[in-house]
Amino acid sequence: MAKKAQGSVLPKSETGKGFEYLLTEIPKHMEDKNLEFLDDLLPWSDKLPQECRKTNR
């Protein structure tokens, strides 16, 4: 579903960069039982790359 949605966004846009980052990071955690890593993927997380980050909630 995310891959399909990614196709409808400009890849260099903030949203496109965010999709690309999520599609790269989430598979790294497929075996995790602890889902705290998801907090780091929220748009306002300081742990996101600057180009994927939102400044407001």
N, C-alpha and C. Protein backbone atom coordinates (compact mmCIF):
# COMPACT_ATOMS: atom_id res chain seq x y z
N MET A 1 0.82 -1.19 0.00
CA MET A 1 0.00 0.00 0.00
C MET A 1 0.87 1.27 0.00
N ALA A 2 1.90 1.28 0.83
CA ALA A 2 2.78 2.45 0.89
C ALA A 2 3.51 2.65 -0.42
N LYS A 3 3.95 1.56 -1.04
CA LYS A 3 4.64 1.67 -2.33
C LYS A 3 3.72 2.28 -3.37
N LYS A 4 2.45 1.89 -3.37
CA LYS A 4 1.47 2.43 -4.31
C LYS A 4 1.27 3.93 -4.06
N ALA A 5 1.14 4.31 -2.80
CA ALA A 5 0.97 5.72 -2.45
C ALA A 5 2.20 6.53 -2.80
N GLN A 6 3.37 5.93 -2.66
CA GLN A 6 4.61 6.63 -2.95
C GLN A 6 4.64 7.06 -4.42
N GLY A 7 4.05 6.26 -5.29
CA GLY A 7 4.03 6.59 -6.71
C GLY A 7 3.24 7.82 -7.06
N SER A 8 2.38 8.28 -6.15
CA SER A 8 1.57 9.45 -6.43
C SER A 8 2.13 10.73 -5.80
N VAL A 9 3.34 10.66 -5.26
CA VAL A 9 3.98 11.82 -4.64
C VAL A 9 5.28 12.13 -5.36
N LEU A 10 5.60 13.39 -5.43
CA LEU A 10 6.88 13.78 -6.04
C LEU A 10 8.03 13.27 -5.17
N PRO A 11 8.97 12.53 -5.75
CA PRO A 11 10.05 11.92 -4.95
C PRO A 11 10.93 12.92 -4.21
N LYS A 12 11.09 14.12 -4.73
CA LYS A 12 11.96 15.10 -4.07
C LYS A 12 11.19 16.00 -3.10
N SER A 13 9.88 15.78 -3.00
CA SER A 13 9.08 16.57 -2.05
C SER A 13 9.34 16.06 -0.63
N GLU A 14 8.92 16.82 0.36
CA GLU A 14 9.08 16.42 1.76
C GLU A 14 8.37 15.09 2.00
N THR A 15 7.16 14.96 1.44
CA THR A 15 6.39 13.73 1.61
C THR A 15 7.09 12.56 0.91
N GLY A 16 7.59 12.79 -0.29
CA GLY A 16 8.30 11.74 -1.03
C GLY A 16 9.54 11.27 -0.31
N LYS A 17 10.29 12.20 0.25
CA LYS A 17 11.49 11.84 1.01
C LYS A 17 11.11 11.06 2.27
N GLY A 18 10.00 11.46 2.88
CA GLY A 18 9.52 10.75 4.07
C GLY A 18 9.13 9.32 3.74
N PHE A 19 8.40 9.13 2.64
CA PHE A 19 8.04 7.79 2.21
C PHE A 19 9.28 6.94 1.97
N GLU A 20 10.23 7.47 1.25
CA GLU A 20 11.45 6.72 0.94
C GLU A 20 12.17 6.30 2.22
N TYR A 21 12.25 7.22 3.18
CA TYR A 21 12.91 6.92 4.44
C TYR A 21 12.18 5.80 5.19
N LEU A 22 10.85 5.91 5.27
CA LEU A 22 10.07 4.89 5.97
C LEU A 22 10.21 3.52 5.30
N LEU A 23 10.17 3.51 3.98
CA LEU A 23 10.27 2.24 3.26
C LEU A 23 11.66 1.62 3.38
N THR A 24 12.63 2.42 3.77
CA THR A 24 13.98 1.91 4.01
C THR A 24 14.14 1.45 5.46
N GLU A 25 13.58 2.21 6.39
CA GLU A 25 13.79 1.94 7.82
C GLU A 25 12.89 0.84 8.39
N ILE A 26 11.63 0.82 8.03
CA ILE A 26 10.70 -0.14 8.63
C ILE A 26 11.13 -1.59 8.41
N PRO A 27 11.58 -1.97 7.21
CA PRO A 27 12.00 -3.37 7.04
C PRO A 27 13.15 -3.79 7.96
N LYS A 28 13.94 -2.85 8.43
CA LYS A 28 15.03 -3.16 9.34
C LYS A 28 14.52 -3.64 10.69
N HIS A 29 13.26 -3.38 10.98
CA HIS A 29 12.68 -3.68 12.30
C HIS A 29 11.60 -4.75 12.25
N MET A 30 11.54 -5.51 11.17
CA MET A 30 10.46 -6.48 11.00
C MET A 30 10.44 -7.55 12.10
N GLU A 31 11.58 -7.85 12.67
CA GLU A 31 11.65 -8.88 13.71
C GLU A 31 11.53 -8.29 15.13
N ASP A 32 11.50 -6.98 15.24
CA ASP A 32 11.44 -6.34 16.56
C ASP A 32 10.12 -6.65 17.26
N LYS A 33 10.21 -7.00 18.50
CA LYS A 33 9.01 -7.18 19.34
C LYS A 33 8.65 -5.86 20.01
N ASN A 34 9.67 -5.04 20.25
CA ASN A 34 9.50 -3.73 20.86
C ASN A 34 9.27 -2.71 19.74
N LEU A 35 8.16 -2.03 19.77
CA LEU A 35 7.80 -1.11 18.69
C LEU A 35 8.15 0.35 19.01
N GLU A 36 9.00 0.56 20.01
CA GLU A 36 9.38 1.93 20.36
C GLU A 36 10.09 2.65 19.23
N PHE A 37 10.69 1.92 18.30
CA PHE A 37 11.36 2.54 17.16
C PHE A 37 10.40 3.39 16.34
N LEU A 38 9.11 3.08 16.41
CA LEU A 38 8.12 3.85 15.65
C LEU A 38 8.08 5.31 16.07
N ASP A 39 8.35 5.59 17.35
CA ASP A 39 8.40 6.97 17.82
C ASP A 39 9.46 7.77 17.06
N ASP A 40 10.53 7.11 16.68
CA ASP A 40 11.62 7.77 15.95
C ASP A 40 11.24 8.06 14.50
N LEU A 41 10.16 7.48 14.03
CA LEU A 41 9.74 7.66 12.64
C LEU A 41 8.61 8.68 12.48
N LEU A 42 8.16 9.23 13.60
CA LEU A 42 7.12 10.26 13.53
C LEU A 42 7.68 11.50 12.84
N PRO A 43 6.86 12.22 12.10
CA PRO A 43 7.34 13.35 11.30
C PRO A 43 8.07 14.44 12.09
N TRP A 44 7.82 14.54 13.37
CA TRP A 44 8.45 15.60 14.18
C TRP A 44 9.61 15.05 15.03
N SER A 45 9.99 13.80 14.83
CA SER A 45 11.07 13.20 15.61
C SER A 45 12.41 13.84 15.27
N ASP A 46 13.19 14.12 16.30
CA ASP A 46 14.53 14.66 16.10
C ASP A 46 15.47 13.63 15.47
N LYS A 47 15.07 12.37 15.47
CA LYS A 47 15.92 11.32 14.92
C LYS A 47 15.73 11.13 13.42
N LEU A 48 14.73 11.78 12.85
CA LEU A 48 14.54 11.72 11.40
C LEU A 48 15.56 12.60 10.70
N PRO A 49 15.93 12.26 9.49
CA PRO A 49 16.78 13.17 8.73
C PRO A 49 16.05 14.51 8.55
N GLN A 50 16.77 15.57 8.54
CA GLN A 50 16.20 16.92 8.47
C GLN A 50 15.21 17.07 7.30
N GLU A 51 15.53 16.50 6.14
CA GLU A 51 14.66 16.67 4.97
C GLU A 51 13.33 15.93 5.10
N CYS A 52 13.19 15.05 6.08
CA CYS A 52 11.94 14.31 6.30
C CYS A 52 11.14 14.88 7.46
N ARG A 53 11.70 15.76 8.21
CA ARG A 53 11.10 16.24 9.46
C ARG A 53 10.09 17.37 9.24
N LYS A 54 9.03 17.35 10.02
CA LYS A 54 8.06 18.44 10.05
C LYS A 54 8.37 19.28 11.29
N THR A 55 8.11 20.56 11.20
CA THR A 55 8.42 21.42 12.34
C THR A 55 7.25 21.55 13.30
N ASN A 56 6.05 21.19 12.86
CA ASN A 56 4.89 21.29 13.76
C ASN A 56 4.12 19.98 13.72
N ARG A 57 3.30 19.76 14.73
CA ARG A 57 2.51 18.52 14.82
C ARG A 57 1.15 18.71 14.22
